[in-house]
Amino acid sequence: MSEQTQNGRHLTATRTGVVTSDKRDKTITVAVEFQKIHPKYGKRLKRDAKFQVHDQDNQAGKGDRVEIAQCRPLSKTKSWRLVRVITKAPAEVSHVTTPDLESAE
């Protein structure tokens, strides 16, 4: 049996990675790490690939772990879509006020 998502699409090629950029509208950049074995020496080497992913609802943020699936080409560089956000990144502090500094001491 083949895997299907909630909307009935078949998941042909899925990968898991971390969002490195969410600055563009409806597009995120996802870095997927993998290991490759050197052909001569047999050593495992860490490599990563960056994919441009379609995020229809802008639900993924920087640092989130996401699952992506391959789809038809949506633009010149974008042929992957967001399936789901696995884990959200911890919230970043935008700025620190003086009462926050006093309470920390």
PDB file of N, CA and C in Angstrom:
ATOM      1  N   MET A   1       0.832  -1.182   0.000  1.00  0.00           N
ATOM      2  CA  MET A   1       0.000   0.000   0.000  1.00  0.00           C
ATOM      3  C   MET A   1       0.873   1.241   0.000  1.00  0.00           C
ATOM      4  N   SER A   2       0.391   2.297  -0.622  1.00  0.00           N
ATOM      5  CA  SER A   2       1.152   3.533  -0.663  1.00  0.00           C
ATOM      6  C   SER A   2       0.635   4.498   0.391  1.00  0.00           C
ATOM      7  N   GLU A   3       1.511   5.361   0.858  1.00  0.00           N
ATOM      8  CA  GLU A   3       1.134   6.326   1.878  1.00  0.00           C
ATOM      9  C   GLU A   3       0.343   7.459   1.236  1.00  0.00           C
ATOM     10  N   GLN A   4      -0.615   7.997   1.977  1.00  0.00           N
ATOM     11  CA  GLN A   4      -1.393   9.128   1.514  1.00  0.00           C
ATOM     12  C   GLN A   4      -1.503  10.149   2.632  1.00  0.00           C
ATOM     13  N   THR A   5      -1.601  11.411   2.247  1.00  0.00           N
ATOM     14  CA  THR A   5      -1.802  12.464   3.241  1.00  0.00           C
ATOM     15  C   THR A   5      -3.296  12.637   3.470  1.00  0.00           C
ATOM     16  N   GLN A   6      -3.662  13.630   4.261  1.00  0.00           N
ATOM     17  CA  GLN A   6      -5.063  13.857   4.576  1.00  0.00           C
ATOM     18  C   GLN A   6      -5.858  14.302   3.362  1.00  0.00           C
ATOM     19  N   ASN A   7      -5.228  15.000   2.425  1.00  0.00           N
ATOM     20  CA  ASN A   7      -5.958  15.473   1.258  1.00  0.00           C
ATOM     21  C   ASN A   7      -5.933  14.469   0.105  1.00  0.00           C
ATOM     22  N   GLY A   8      -5.428  13.254   0.329  1.00  0.00           N
ATOM     23  CA  GLY A   8      -5.515  12.199  -0.668  1.00  0.00           C
ATOM     24  C   GLY A   8      -4.358  12.127  -1.640  1.00  0.00           C
ATOM     25  N   ARG A   9      -3.339  12.955  -1.492  1.00  0.00           N
ATOM     26  CA  ARG A   9      -2.201  12.923  -2.406  1.00  0.00           C
ATOM     27  C   ARG A   9      -1.249  11.807  -2.025  1.00  0.00           C
ATOM     28  N   HIS A  10      -0.626  11.215  -3.017  1.00  0.00           N
ATOM     29  CA  HIS A  10       0.365  10.180  -2.762  1.00  0.00           C
ATOM     30  C   HIS A  10       1.699  10.822  -2.435  1.00  0.00           C
ATOM     31  N   LEU A  11       2.390  10.294  -1.441  1.00  0.00           N
ATOM     32  CA  LEU A  11       3.699  10.804  -1.054  1.00  0.00           C
ATOM     33  C   LEU A  11       4.757   9.965  -1.767  1.00  0.00           C
ATOM     34  N   THR A  12       5.254  10.461  -2.885  1.00  0.00           N
ATOM     35  CA  THR A  12       6.246   9.709  -3.639  1.00  0.00           C
ATOM     36  C   THR A  12       7.614   9.812  -2.994  1.00  0.00           C
ATOM     37  N   ALA A  13       8.138  10.999  -2.911  1.00  0.00           N
ATOM     38  CA  ALA A  13       9.449  11.213  -2.302  1.00  0.00           C
ATOM     39  C   ALA A  13       9.280  12.212  -1.174  1.00  0.00           C
ATOM     40  N   THR A  14       9.510  11.766   0.059  1.00  0.00           N
ATOM     41  CA  THR A  14       9.416  12.669   1.205  1.00  0.00           C
ATOM     42  C   THR A  14      10.760  12.740   1.901  1.00  0.00           C
ATOM     43  N   ARG A  15      11.045  13.903   2.449  1.00  0.00           N
ATOM     44  CA  ARG A  15      12.291  14.121   3.183  1.00  0.00           C
ATOM     45  C   ARG A  15      11.995  14.985   4.389  1.00  0.00           C
ATOM     46  N   THR A  16      12.884  14.933   5.358  1.00  0.00           N
ATOM     47  CA  THR A  16      12.752  15.725   6.574  1.00  0.00           C
ATOM     48  C   THR A  16      13.953  16.645   6.679  1.00  0.00           C
ATOM     49  N   GLY A  17      13.691  17.909   6.986  1.00  0.00           N
ATOM     50  CA  GLY A  17      14.782  18.874   7.095  1.00  0.00           C
ATOM     51  C   GLY A  17      14.423  20.033   7.997  1.00  0.00           C
ATOM     52  N   VAL A  18      15.318  21.009   8.047  1.00  0.00           N
ATOM     53  CA  VAL A  18      15.164  22.180   8.906  1.00  0.00           C
ATOM     54  C   VAL A  18      15.026  23.419   8.032  1.00  0.00           C
ATOM     55  N   VAL A  19      14.087  24.288   8.379  1.00  0.00           N
ATOM     56  CA  VAL A  19      13.863  25.524   7.627  1.00  0.00           C
ATOM     57  C   VAL A  19      15.003  26.487   7.920  1.00  0.00           C
ATOM     58  N   THR A  20      15.679  26.946   6.858  1.00  0.00           N
ATOM     59  CA  THR A  20      16.777  27.895   7.036  1.00  0.00           C
ATOM     60  C   THR A  20      16.369  29.320   6.693  1.00  0.00           C
ATOM     61  N   SER A  21      15.294  29.478   5.892  1.00  0.00           N
ATOM     62  CA  SER A  21      14.836  30.818   5.537  1.00  0.00           C
ATOM     63  C   SER A  21      13.335  30.784   5.283  1.00  0.00           C
ATOM     64  N   ASP A  22      12.645  31.806   5.797  1.00  0.00           N
ATOM     65  CA  ASP A  22      11.208  31.943   5.546  1.00  0.00           C
ATOM     66  C   ASP A  22      10.861  33.374   5.150  1.00  0.00           C
ATOM     67  N   LYS A  23      11.788  34.058   4.514  1.00  0.00           N
ATOM     68  CA  LYS A  23      11.623  35.469   4.197  1.00  0.00           C
ATOM     69  C   LYS A  23      10.675  35.706   3.022  1.00  0.00           C
ATOM     70  N   ARG A  24      10.567  34.744   2.109  1.00  0.00           N
ATOM     71  CA  ARG A  24       9.728  34.938   0.932  1.00  0.00           C
ATOM     72  C   ARG A  24       8.293  34.512   1.191  1.00  0.00           C
ATOM     73  N   ASP A  25       7.368  35.061   0.428  1.00  0.00           N
ATOM     74  CA  ASP A  25       5.960  34.737   0.582  1.00  0.00           C
ATOM     75  C   ASP A  25       5.663  33.385  -0.050  1.00  0.00           C
ATOM     76  N   LYS A  26       5.080  32.476   0.728  1.00  0.00           N
ATOM     77  CA  LYS A  26       4.685  31.131   0.298  1.00  0.00           C
ATOM     78  C   LYS A  26       5.852  30.253  -0.134  1.00  0.00           C
ATOM     79  N   THR A  27       7.072  30.610   0.250  1.00  0.00           N
ATOM     80  CA  THR A  27       8.251  29.810  -0.089  1.00  0.00           C
ATOM     81  C   THR A  27       9.192  29.771   1.113  1.00  0.00           C
ATOM     82  N   ILE A  28       9.686  28.575   1.402  1.00  0.00           N
ATOM     83  CA  ILE A  28      10.684  28.414   2.454  1.00  0.00           C
ATOM     84  C   ILE A  28      11.868  27.658   1.873  1.00  0.00           C
ATOM     85  N   THR A  29      13.026  27.836   2.494  1.00  0.00           N
ATOM     86  CA  THR A  29      14.218  27.093   2.114  1.00  0.00           C
ATOM     87  C   THR A  29      14.472  26.059   3.201  1.00  0.00           C
ATOM     88  N   VAL A  30      14.595  24.788   2.787  1.00  0.00           N
ATOM     89  CA  VAL A  30      14.764  23.696   3.730  1.00  0.00           C
ATOM     90  C   VAL A  30      16.096  23.004   3.453  1.00  0.00           C
ATOM     91  N   ALA A  31      16.901  22.817   4.496  1.00  0.00           N
ATOM     92  CA  ALA A  31      18.169  22.096   4.390  1.00  0.00           C
ATOM     93  C   ALA A  31      17.951  20.672   4.888  1.00  0.00           C
ATOM     94  N   VAL A  32      18.288  19.698   4.037  1.00  0.00           N
ATOM     95  CA  VAL A  32      18.146  18.290   4.376  1.00  0.00           C
ATOM     96  C   VAL A  32      19.545  17.697   4.468  1.00  0.00           C
ATOM     97  N   GLU A  33      19.884  17.140   5.640  1.00  0.00           N
ATOM     98  CA  GLU A  33      21.195  16.520   5.824  1.00  0.00           C
ATOM     99  C   GLU A  33      21.115  15.033   5.516  1.00  0.00           C
ATOM    100  N   PHE A  34      22.187  14.513   4.934  1.00  0.00           N
ATOM    101  CA  PHE A  34      22.267  13.083   4.655  1.00  0.00           C
ATOM    102  C   PHE A  34      23.727  12.670   4.708  1.00  0.00           C
ATOM    103  N   GLN A  35      23.962  11.360   4.776  1.00  0.00           N
ATOM    104  CA  GLN A  35      25.323  10.841   4.789  1.00  0.00           C
ATOM    105  C   GLN A  35      25.607  10.132   3.480  1.00  0.00           C
ATOM    106  N   LYS A  36      26.807  10.359   2.982  1.00  0.00           N
ATOM    107  CA  LYS A  36      27.232   9.740   1.742  1.00  0.00           C
ATOM    108  C   LYS A  36      28.535   8.995   2.033  1.00  0.00           C
ATOM    109  N   ILE A  37      28.679   7.822   1.483  1.00  0.00           N
ATOM    110  CA  ILE A  37      29.891   7.033   1.705  1.00  0.00           C
ATOM    111  C   ILE A  37      30.874   7.321   0.579  1.00  0.00           C
ATOM    112  N   HIS A  38      32.123   7.605   0.960  1.00  0.00           N
ATOM    113  CA  HIS A  38      33.156   7.887  -0.025  1.00  0.00           C
ATOM    114  C   HIS A  38      33.416   6.616  -0.839  1.00  0.00           C
ATOM    115  N   PRO A  39      33.471   6.724  -2.181  1.00  0.00           N
ATOM    116  CA  PRO A  39      33.605   5.514  -2.998  1.00  0.00           C
ATOM    117  C   PRO A  39      34.911   4.756  -2.797  1.00  0.00           C
ATOM    118  N   LYS A  40      35.988   5.465  -2.513  1.00  0.00           N
ATOM    119  CA  LYS A  40      37.277   4.782  -2.383  1.00  0.00           C
ATOM    120  C   LYS A  40      37.596   4.410  -0.940  1.00  0.00           C
ATOM    121  N   TYR A  41      37.392   5.355  -0.019  1.00  0.00           N
ATOM    122  CA  TYR A  41      37.847   5.153   1.351  1.00  0.00           C
ATOM    123  C   TYR A  41      36.760   4.597   2.278  1.00  0.00           C
ATOM    124  N   GLY A  42      35.515   4.668   1.871  1.00  0.00           N
ATOM    125  CA  GLY A  42      34.434   4.118   2.676  1.00  0.00           C
ATOM    126  C   GLY A  42      34.041   4.956   3.874  1.00  0.00           C
ATOM    127  N   LYS A  43      34.594   6.150   4.011  1.00  0.00           N
ATOM    128  CA  LYS A  43      34.258   7.016   5.131  1.00  0.00           C
ATOM    129  C   LYS A  43      32.898   7.675   4.879  1.00  0.00           C
ATOM    130  N   ARG A  44      32.134   7.821   5.954  1.00  0.00           N
ATOM    131  CA  ARG A  44      30.838   8.490   5.839  1.00  0.00           C
ATOM    132  C   ARG A  44      31.039   9.990   5.913  1.00  0.00           C
ATOM    133  N   LEU A  45      30.479  10.695   4.956  1.00  0.00           N
ATOM    134  CA  LEU A  45      30.608  12.139   4.878  1.00  0.00           C
ATOM    135  C   LEU A  45      29.238  12.772   5.044  1.00  0.00           C
ATOM    136  N   LYS A  46      29.147  13.829   5.858  1.00  0.00           N
ATOM    137  CA  LYS A  46      27.889  14.549   6.018  1.00  0.00           C
ATOM    138  C   LYS A  46      27.737  15.552   4.884  1.00  0.00           C
ATOM    139  N   ARG A  47      26.606  15.519   4.246  1.00  0.00           N
ATOM    140  CA  ARG A  47      26.284  16.448   3.164  1.00  0.00           C
ATOM    141  C   ARG A  47      24.906  17.032   3.439  1.00  0.00           C
ATOM    142  N   ASP A  48      24.627  18.164   2.814  1.00  0.00           N
ATOM    143  CA  ASP A  48      23.282  18.699   2.912  1.00  0.00           C
ATOM    144  C   ASP A  48      22.849  19.246   1.564  1.00  0.00           C
ATOM    145  N   ALA A  49      21.558  19.243   1.351  1.00  0.00           N
ATOM    146  CA  ALA A  49      20.962  19.772   0.127  1.00  0.00           C
ATOM    147  C   ALA A  49      19.903  20.785   0.530  1.00  0.00           C
ATOM    148  N   LYS A  50      19.809  21.878  -0.213  1.00  0.00           N
ATOM    149  CA  LYS A  50      18.814  22.905   0.072  1.00  0.00           C
ATOM    150  C   LYS A  50      17.711  22.824  -0.976  1.00  0.00           C
ATOM    151  N   PHE A  51      16.478  22.839  -0.505  1.00  0.00           N
ATOM    152  CA  PHE A  51      15.325  22.765  -1.393  1.00  0.00           C
ATOM    153  C   PHE A  51      14.452  23.995  -1.194  1.00  0.00           C
ATOM    154  N   GLN A  52      13.903  24.505  -2.290  1.00  0.00           N
ATOM    155  CA  GLN A  52      12.918  25.576  -2.242  1.00  0.00           C
ATOM    156  C   GLN A  52      11.556  24.891  -2.152  1.00  0.00           C
ATOM    157  N   VAL A  53      10.801  25.192  -1.102  1.00  0.00           N
ATOM    158  CA  VAL A  53       9.578  24.466  -0.795  1.00  0.00           C
ATOM    159  C   VAL A  53       8.392  25.420  -0.794  1.00  0.00           C
ATOM    160  N   HIS A  54       7.277  24.967  -1.379  1.00  0.00           N
ATOM    161  CA  HIS A  54       6.047  25.752  -1.415  1.00  0.00           C
ATOM    162  C   HIS A  54       5.304  25.602  -0.096  1.00  0.00           C
ATOM    163  N   ASP A  55       5.067  26.728   0.589  1.00  0.00           N
ATOM    164  CA  ASP A  55       4.352  26.757   1.867  1.00  0.00           C
ATOM    165  C   ASP A  55       3.123  27.639   1.673  1.00  0.00           C
ATOM    166  N   GLN A  56       2.004  27.035   1.336  1.00  0.00           N
ATOM    167  CA  GLN A  56       0.798  27.776   0.955  1.00  0.00           C
ATOM    168  C   GLN A  56       0.318  28.720   2.046  1.00  0.00           C
ATOM    169  N   ASP A  57       0.320  28.281   3.300  1.00  0.00           N
ATOM    170  CA  ASP A  57      -0.249  29.081   4.388  1.00  0.00           C
ATOM    171  C   ASP A  57       0.792  29.825   5.209  1.00  0.00           C
ATOM    172  N   ASN A  58       2.046  29.809   4.797  1.00  0.00           N
ATOM    173  CA  ASN A  58       3.143  30.439   5.544  1.00  0.00           C
ATOM    174  C   ASN A  58       3.152  29.975   6.997  1.00  0.00           C
ATOM    175  N   GLN A  59       3.026  28.674   7.220  1.00  0.00           N
ATOM    176  CA  GLN A  59       2.943  28.143   8.578  1.00  0.00           C
ATOM    177  C   GLN A  59       4.289  27.760   9.157  1.00  0.00           C
ATOM    178  N   ALA A  60       5.311  27.558   8.346  1.00  0.00           N
ATOM    179  CA  ALA A  60       6.627  27.162   8.840  1.00  0.00           C
ATOM    180  C   ALA A  60       7.485  28.398   9.090  1.00  0.00           C
ATOM    181  N   GLY A  61       8.269  28.329  10.159  1.00  0.00           N
ATOM    182  CA  GLY A  61       9.172  29.424  10.499  1.00  0.00           C
ATOM    183  C   GLY A  61      10.603  28.933  10.522  1.00  0.00           C
ATOM    184  N   LYS A  62      11.516  29.864  10.660  1.00  0.00           N
ATOM    185  CA  LYS A  62      12.934  29.533  10.664  1.00  0.00           C
ATOM    186  C   LYS A  62      13.259  28.644  11.859  1.00  0.00           C
ATOM    187  N   GLY A  63      13.978  27.547  11.601  1.00  0.00           N
ATOM    188  CA  GLY A  63      14.370  26.627  12.653  1.00  0.00           C
ATOM    189  C   GLY A  63      13.407  25.473  12.865  1.00  0.00           C
ATOM    190  N   ASP A  64      12.252  25.484  12.207  1.00  0.00           N
ATOM    191  CA  ASP A  64      11.287  24.395  12.355  1.00  0.00           C
ATOM    192  C   ASP A  64      11.766  23.150  11.629  1.00  0.00           C
ATOM    193  N   ARG A  65      11.450  21.978  12.177  1.00  0.00           N
ATOM    194  CA  ARG A  65      11.717  20.707  11.491  1.00  0.00           C
ATOM    195  C   ARG A  65      10.448  20.361  10.722  1.00  0.00           C
ATOM    196  N   VAL A  66      10.590  20.162   9.396  1.00  0.00           N
ATOM    197  CA  VAL A  66       9.433  19.954   8.531  1.00  0.00           C
ATOM    198  C   VAL A  66       9.601  18.711   7.670  1.00  0.00           C
ATOM    199  N   GLU A  67       8.478  18.218   7.171  1.00  0.00           N
ATOM    200  CA  GLU A  67       8.469  17.118   6.213  1.00  0.00           C
ATOM    201  C   GLU A  67       8.017  17.697   4.877  1.00  0.00           C
ATOM    202  N   ILE A  68       8.766  17.390   3.812  1.00  0.00           N
ATOM    203  CA  ILE A  68       8.451  17.917   2.483  1.00  0.00           C
ATOM    204  C   ILE A  68       8.257  16.752   1.517  1.00  0.00           C
ATOM    205  N   ALA A  69       7.509  17.003   0.454  1.00  0.00           N
ATOM    206  CA  ALA A  69       7.260  15.981  -0.552  1.00  0.00           C
ATOM    207  C   ALA A  69       7.471  16.577  -1.934  1.00  0.00           C
ATOM    208  N   GLN A  70       7.920  15.758  -2.848  1.00  0.00           N
ATOM    209  CA  GLN A  70       8.167  16.206  -4.213  1.00  0.00           C
ATOM    210  C   GLN A  70       6.839  16.364  -4.936  1.00  0.00           C
ATOM    211  N   CYS A  71       6.750  17.370  -5.807  1.00  0.00           N
ATOM    212  CA  CYS A  71       5.527  17.616  -6.575  1.00  0.00           C
ATOM    213  C   CYS A  71       5.919  18.136  -7.954  1.00  0.00           C
ATOM    214  N   ARG A  72       4.931  18.527  -8.718  1.00  0.00           N
ATOM    215  CA  ARG A  72       5.212  19.066 -10.049  1.00  0.00           C
ATOM    216  C   ARG A  72       5.954  20.394  -9.908  1.00  0.00           C
ATOM    217  N   PRO A  73       6.720  20.823 -10.912  1.00  0.00           N
ATOM    218  CA  PRO A  73       7.434  22.101 -10.804  1.00  0.00           C
ATOM    219  C   PRO A  73       6.459  23.275 -10.694  1.00  0.00           C
ATOM    220  N   LEU A  74       6.642  24.081  -9.663  1.00  0.00           N
ATOM    221  CA  LEU A  74       5.802  25.249  -9.451  1.00  0.00           C
ATOM    222  C   LEU A  74       6.468  26.522  -9.954  1.00  0.00           C
ATOM    223  N   SER A  75       7.781  26.498 -10.061  1.00  0.00           N
ATOM    224  CA  SER A  75       8.540  27.608 -10.619  1.00  0.00           C
ATOM    225  C   SER A  75       9.871  27.041 -11.103  1.00  0.00           C
ATOM    226  N   LYS A  76      10.803  27.914 -11.422  1.00  0.00           N
ATOM    227  CA  LYS A  76      12.095  27.458 -11.923  1.00  0.00           C
ATOM    228  C   LYS A  76      12.847  26.617 -10.894  1.00  0.00           C
ATOM    229  N   THR A  77      12.776  26.992  -9.632  1.00  0.00           N
ATOM    230  CA  THR A  77      13.547  26.297  -8.592  1.00  0.00           C
ATOM    231  C   THR A  77      12.681  25.549  -7.587  1.00  0.00           C
ATOM    232  N   LYS A  78      11.367  25.688  -7.660  1.00  0.00           N
ATOM    233  CA  LYS A  78      10.493  25.146  -6.616  1.00  0.00           C
ATOM    234  C   LYS A  78       9.699  23.952  -7.136  1.00  0.00           C
ATOM    235  N   SER A  79      10.050  22.748  -6.654  1.00  0.00           N
ATOM    236  CA  SER A  79       9.305  21.552  -7.034  1.00  0.00           C
ATOM    237  C   SER A  79       9.067  20.641  -5.830  1.00  0.00           C
ATOM    238  N   TRP A  80       9.003  21.250  -4.647  1.00  0.00           N
ATOM    239  CA  TRP A  80       8.708  20.519  -3.411  1.00  0.00           C
ATOM    240  C   TRP A  80       7.603  21.281  -2.692  1.00  0.00           C
ATOM    241  N   ARG A  81       6.786  20.565  -1.909  1.00  0.00           N
ATOM    242  CA  ARG A  81       5.720  21.203  -1.143  1.00  0.00           C
ATOM    243  C   ARG A  81       5.812  20.766   0.316  1.00  0.00           C
ATOM    244  N   LEU A  82       5.296  21.596   1.187  1.00  0.00           N
ATOM    245  CA  LEU A  82       5.307  21.316   2.618  1.00  0.00           C
ATOM    246  C   LEU A  82       4.191  20.338   2.947  1.00  0.00           C
ATOM    247  N   VAL A  83       4.539  19.237   3.609  1.00  0.00           N
ATOM    248  CA  VAL A  83       3.533  18.265   4.040  1.00  0.00           C
ATOM    249  C   VAL A  83       3.053  18.611   5.442  1.00  0.00           C
ATOM    250  N   ARG A  84       4.008  18.776   6.392  1.00  0.00           N
ATOM    251  CA  ARG A  84       3.627  19.114   7.761  1.00  0.00           C
ATOM    252  C   ARG A  84       4.828  19.671   8.508  1.00  0.00           C
ATOM    253  N   VAL A  85       4.530  20.406   9.558  1.00  0.00           N
ATOM    254  CA  VAL A  85       5.557  20.898  10.469  1.00  0.00           C
ATOM    255  C   VAL A  85       5.659  19.883  11.600  1.00  0.00           C
ATOM    256  N   ILE A  86       6.828  19.261  11.741  1.00  0.00           N
ATOM    257  CA  ILE A  86       7.011  18.227  12.755  1.00  0.00           C
ATOM    258  C   ILE A  86       7.188  18.857  14.131  1.00  0.00           C
ATOM    259  N   THR A  87       8.168  19.745  14.265  1.00  0.00           N
ATOM    260  CA  THR A  87       8.377  20.461  15.532  1.00  0.00           C
ATOM    261  C   THR A  87       8.632  21.925  15.240  1.00  0.00           C
ATOM    262  N   LYS A  88       8.087  22.780  16.090  1.00  0.00           N
ATOM    263  CA  LYS A  88       8.312  24.209  15.960  1.00  0.00           C
ATOM    264  C   LYS A  88       9.601  24.580  16.681  1.00  0.00           C
ATOM    265  N   ALA A  89      10.262  25.612  16.179  1.00  0.00           N
ATOM    266  CA  ALA A  89      11.487  26.115  16.813  1.00  0.00           C
ATOM    267  C   ALA A  89      11.112  26.896  18.065  1.00  0.00           C
ATOM    268  N   PRO A  90      12.001  26.924  19.061  1.00  0.00           N
ATOM    269  CA  PRO A  90      11.712  27.746  20.242  1.00  0.00           C
ATOM    270  C   PRO A  90      11.628  29.218  19.846  1.00  0.00           C
ATOM    271  N   ALA A  91      10.787  29.956  20.530  1.00  0.00           N
ATOM    272  CA  ALA A  91      10.571  31.373  20.215  1.00  0.00           C
ATOM    273  C   ALA A  91      11.845  32.164  20.462  1.00  0.00           C
ATOM    274  N   GLU A  92      12.133  33.072  19.560  1.00  0.00           N
ATOM    275  CA  GLU A  92      13.306  33.933  19.698  1.00  0.00           C
ATOM    276  C   GLU A  92      12.915  35.210  20.424  1.00  0.00           C
ATOM    277  N   VAL A  93      13.845  35.771  21.177  1.00  0.00           N
ATOM    278  CA  VAL A  93      13.610  37.029  21.871  1.00  0.00           C
ATOM    279  C   VAL A  93      13.895  38.162  20.897  1.00  0.00           C
ATOM    280  N   SER A  94      12.897  39.036  20.665  1.00  0.00           N
ATOM    281  CA  SER A  94      13.081  40.113  19.700  1.00  0.00           C
ATOM    282  C   SER A  94      13.932  41.241  20.279  1.00  0.00           C
ATOM    283  N   HIS A  95      13.672  41.646  21.527  1.00  0.00           N
ATOM    284  CA  HIS A  95      14.500  42.659  22.179  1.00  0.00           C
ATOM    285  C   HIS A  95      14.369  42.514  23.686  1.00  0.00           C
ATOM    286  N   VAL A  96      15.316  43.062  24.396  1.00  0.00           N
ATOM    287  CA  VAL A  96      15.343  42.956  25.851  1.00  0.00           C
ATOM    288  C   VAL A  96      15.117  44.338  26.432  1.00  0.00           C
ATOM    289  N   THR A  97      14.199  44.431  27.400  1.00  0.00           N
ATOM    290  CA  THR A  97      13.939  45.716  28.053  1.00  0.00           C
ATOM    291  C   THR A  97      14.718  45.783  29.362  1.00  0.00           C
ATOM    292  N   THR A  98      14.808  46.980  29.945  1.00  0.00           N
ATOM    293  CA  THR A  98      15.571  47.145  31.187  1.00  0.00           C
ATOM    294  C   THR A  98      14.984  46.380  32.367  1.00  0.00           C
ATOM    295  N   PRO A  99      13.667  46.284  32.554  1.00  0.00           N
ATOM    296  CA  PRO A  99      13.177  45.471  33.677  1.00  0.00           C
ATOM    297  C   PRO A  99      13.559  43.994  33.533  1.00  0.00           C
ATOM    298  N   ASP A 100      13.680  43.509  32.324  1.00  0.00           N
ATOM    299  CA  ASP A 100      14.101  42.130  32.118  1.00  0.00           C
ATOM    300  C   ASP A 100      15.547  41.923  32.573  1.00  0.00           C
ATOM    301  N   LEU A 101      16.390  42.902  32.332  1.00  0.00           N
ATOM    302  CA  LEU A 101      17.789  42.795  32.753  1.00  0.00           C
ATOM    303  C   LEU A 101      17.902  42.838  34.275  1.00  0.00           C
ATOM    304  N   GLU A 102      17.105  43.689  34.930  1.00  0.00           N
ATOM    305  CA  GLU A 102      17.172  43.797  36.381  1.00  0.00           C
ATOM    306  C   GLU A 102      16.676  42.526  37.058  1.00  0.00           C
ATOM    307  N   SER A 103      15.638  41.911  36.492  1.00  0.00           N
ATOM    308  CA  SER A 103      15.095  40.680  37.102  1.00  0.00           C
ATOM    309  C   SER A 103      16.031  39.501  36.895  1.00  0.00           C
ATOM    310  N   ALA A 104      16.890  39.543  35.884  1.00  0.00           N
ATOM    311  CA  ALA A 104      17.811  38.450  35.616  1.00  0.00           C
ATOM    312  C   ALA A 104      18.973  38.438  36.601  1.00  0.00           C
ATOM    313  N   GLU A 105      19.281  39.574  37.203  1.00  0.00           N
ATOM    314  CA  GLU A 105      20.419  39.657  38.120  1.00  0.00           C
ATOM    315  C   GLU A 105      20.116  39.198  39.501  1.00  0.00           C
TER     316      GLU A 105
END
